[in-house]
Amino acid sequence: MKPLSVNEMSAYLRSRPVQSEQEEMYPHRLWEPAKRAALVILWGLLIYPQLDPDLRQQKRTYSIHVSQLINLFGDALGLDGEDAWPATLRLLARHDYIRIKGETITPGTGLFVAVDAAKMYKMFRSSVLSRDIFQRRFGT
């Protein structure tokens, strides 16, 4: 599987018109592609494991440390160095896509509905790379 571009990643975000206040319901639609791709990456790390039958059996809460996230994906999004990540994480937390306690990131309610799970699940489930990352990280 070839790596996805930032624009391809952001295409997996849910953006169907729901009502006139769509910008309030889905503020990520107005964000730049790198911030939208950060949402997709966080969905894959924090939500996908709860949907995967093999990973779900472990019944654990998924989280990631801020430094792990920056180490794994800092350069991939094209953000300007490590200084851009704290601002992006604050933005995501302000809209309840994520919750940050200390240096630990957990999913917020917005992250569950922001991404089109039906599309993303198929891609993640079939991706050897994503399964390998989870196996190495969580020892499954």
Protein backbone atom coordinates (compact mmCIF):
# COMPACT_ATOMS: atom_id res chain seq x y z
CA MET A 1 0.00 0.00 0.00
CA LYS A 2 1.44 3.38 -0.98
CA PRO A 3 1.64 6.17 1.59
CA LEU A 4 -1.28 8.60 1.59
CA SER A 5 -0.80 12.31 0.99
CA VAL A 6 -2.15 14.85 3.46
CA ASN A 7 -4.99 15.67 1.04
CA GLU A 8 -5.87 11.99 0.62
CA MET A 9 -5.95 11.57 4.39
CA SER A 10 -8.23 14.55 4.86
CA ALA A 11 -10.67 13.07 2.33
CA TYR A 12 -11.61 10.49 4.97
CA LEU A 13 -13.12 13.13 7.25
CA ARG A 14 -16.88 13.16 7.46
CA SER A 15 -18.27 16.31 5.87
CA ARG A 16 -21.85 15.59 4.79
CA PRO A 17 -24.21 18.54 5.17
CA VAL A 18 -26.31 17.93 8.24
CA GLN A 19 -27.78 21.34 8.95
CA SER A 20 -27.10 25.01 8.45
CA GLU A 21 -24.74 25.09 11.42
CA GLN A 22 -22.41 22.55 9.80
CA GLU A 23 -19.33 24.65 10.51
CA GLU A 24 -20.15 24.44 14.21
CA MET A 25 -20.75 20.68 14.03
CA TYR A 26 -17.70 19.95 11.88
CA PRO A 27 -15.24 22.81 12.40
CA HIS A 28 -12.46 20.71 10.83
CA ARG A 29 -13.98 21.35 7.39
CA LEU A 30 -12.54 24.86 7.49
CA TRP A 31 -9.06 23.85 8.65
CA GLU A 32 -5.92 23.48 6.58
CA PRO A 33 -5.09 19.96 5.30
CA ALA A 34 -2.30 19.29 7.83
CA LYS A 35 -4.66 19.82 10.78
CA ARG A 36 -7.30 17.67 9.12
CA ALA A 37 -4.73 14.92 8.51
CA ALA A 38 -3.80 15.10 12.20
CA LEU A 39 -7.43 14.21 12.97
CA VAL A 40 -7.25 11.15 10.72
CA ILE A 41 -3.97 10.02 12.29
CA LEU A 42 -5.37 10.41 15.79
CA TRP A 43 -8.53 8.53 14.77
CA GLY A 44 -6.34 5.67 13.58
CA LEU A 45 -4.38 5.58 16.82
CA LEU A 46 -7.22 6.13 19.29
CA ILE A 47 -10.51 4.99 17.71
CA TYR A 48 -9.63 2.28 15.21
CA PRO A 49 -8.30 -0.13 17.87
CA GLN A 50 -11.73 -0.01 19.51
CA LEU A 51 -13.35 -1.16 16.25
CA ASP A 52 -10.86 -3.87 15.27
CA PRO A 53 -12.06 -7.25 16.55
CA ASP A 54 -8.54 -8.45 17.37
CA LEU A 55 -7.56 -5.31 19.28
CA ARG A 56 -10.97 -4.80 20.91
CA GLN A 57 -10.63 -8.08 22.84
CA GLN A 58 -7.95 -6.45 24.96
CA LYS A 59 -10.56 -4.07 26.48
CA ARG A 60 -8.13 -1.25 27.10
CA THR A 61 -8.36 2.48 26.79
CA TYR A 62 -6.19 3.72 23.96
CA SER A 63 -4.05 6.78 24.40
CA ILE A 64 -0.81 8.17 23.07
CA HIS A 65 1.83 10.33 24.66
CA VAL A 66 2.40 13.71 22.99
CA SER A 67 6.09 12.99 22.42
CA GLN A 68 5.26 9.64 20.74
CA LEU A 69 2.86 11.39 18.38
CA ILE A 70 5.41 14.04 17.45
CA ASN A 71 8.13 11.42 17.06
CA LEU A 72 5.99 9.21 14.78
CA PHE A 73 4.21 11.84 12.71
CA GLY A 74 5.92 15.20 13.27
CA ASP A 75 7.42 15.43 9.79
CA ALA A 76 4.69 13.56 7.92
CA LEU A 77 2.15 16.35 8.15
CA GLY A 78 4.37 19.11 6.90
CA LEU A 79 3.83 21.16 10.03
CA ASP A 80 6.57 23.64 10.82
CA GLY A 81 8.59 21.73 13.36
CA GLU A 82 7.54 20.68 16.82
CA ASP A 83 6.17 24.14 17.65
CA ALA A 84 3.12 23.60 15.42
CA TRP A 85 2.01 20.44 17.23
CA PRO A 86 1.09 22.06 20.56
CA ALA A 87 -1.10 24.62 18.76
CA THR A 88 -2.77 21.87 16.68
CA LEU A 89 -3.38 19.74 19.77
CA ARG A 90 -4.89 22.72 21.63
CA LEU A 91 -7.21 23.36 18.67
CA LEU A 92 -8.31 19.71 18.60
CA ALA A 93 -8.84 19.72 22.37
CA ARG A 94 -10.85 22.96 22.23
CA HIS A 95 -13.30 21.29 19.83
CA ASP A 96 -13.30 18.05 21.90
CA TYR A 97 -11.72 15.91 19.19
CA ILE A 98 -9.12 14.90 21.78
CA ARG A 99 -8.59 15.28 25.50
CA ILE A 100 -5.18 15.96 26.98
CA LYS A 101 -4.29 15.17 30.56
CA GLY A 102 -0.69 15.96 31.32
CA GLU A 103 1.13 14.60 28.27
CA THR A 104 -1.41 11.87 27.47
CA ILE A 105 -3.89 12.21 24.59
CA THR A 106 -7.19 10.31 24.66
CA PRO A 107 -10.11 10.56 22.23
CA GLY A 108 -12.76 13.22 22.68
CA THR A 109 -16.34 12.84 21.54
CA GLY A 110 -15.74 14.75 18.30
CA LEU A 111 -13.10 12.27 17.15
CA PHE A 112 -15.65 9.45 17.13
CA VAL A 113 -17.86 11.24 14.60
CA ALA A 114 -15.40 13.35 12.59
CA VAL A 115 -14.02 10.52 10.46
CA ASP A 116 -16.01 8.33 8.10
CA ALA A 117 -15.39 5.11 10.00
CA ALA A 118 -16.79 2.86 7.26
CA LYS A 119 -14.17 4.09 4.78
CA MET A 120 -11.30 4.26 7.24
CA TYR A 121 -11.98 0.90 8.87
CA LYS A 122 -11.53 -0.95 5.57
CA MET A 123 -8.27 0.84 4.86
CA PHE A 124 -6.84 0.28 8.34
CA ARG A 125 -7.99 -3.33 8.59
CA SER A 126 -6.31 -4.24 5.31
CA SER A 127 -3.18 -2.25 5.97
CA VAL A 128 -0.24 -4.40 6.94
CA LEU A 129 1.61 -1.33 8.13
CA SER A 130 -1.08 -0.24 10.58
CA ARG A 131 -1.40 -3.76 12.00
CA ASP A 132 2.39 -3.95 12.38
CA ILE A 133 2.48 -0.61 14.23
CA PHE A 134 -0.21 -1.75 16.65
CA GLN A 135 1.47 -5.10 17.19
CA ARG A 136 4.79 -3.44 18.00
CA ARG A 137 3.24 -0.72 20.16
CA PHE A 138 0.74 -2.83 22.10
CA GLY A 139 2.39 -6.24 21.89
CA THR A 140 -0.64 -7.92 20.28
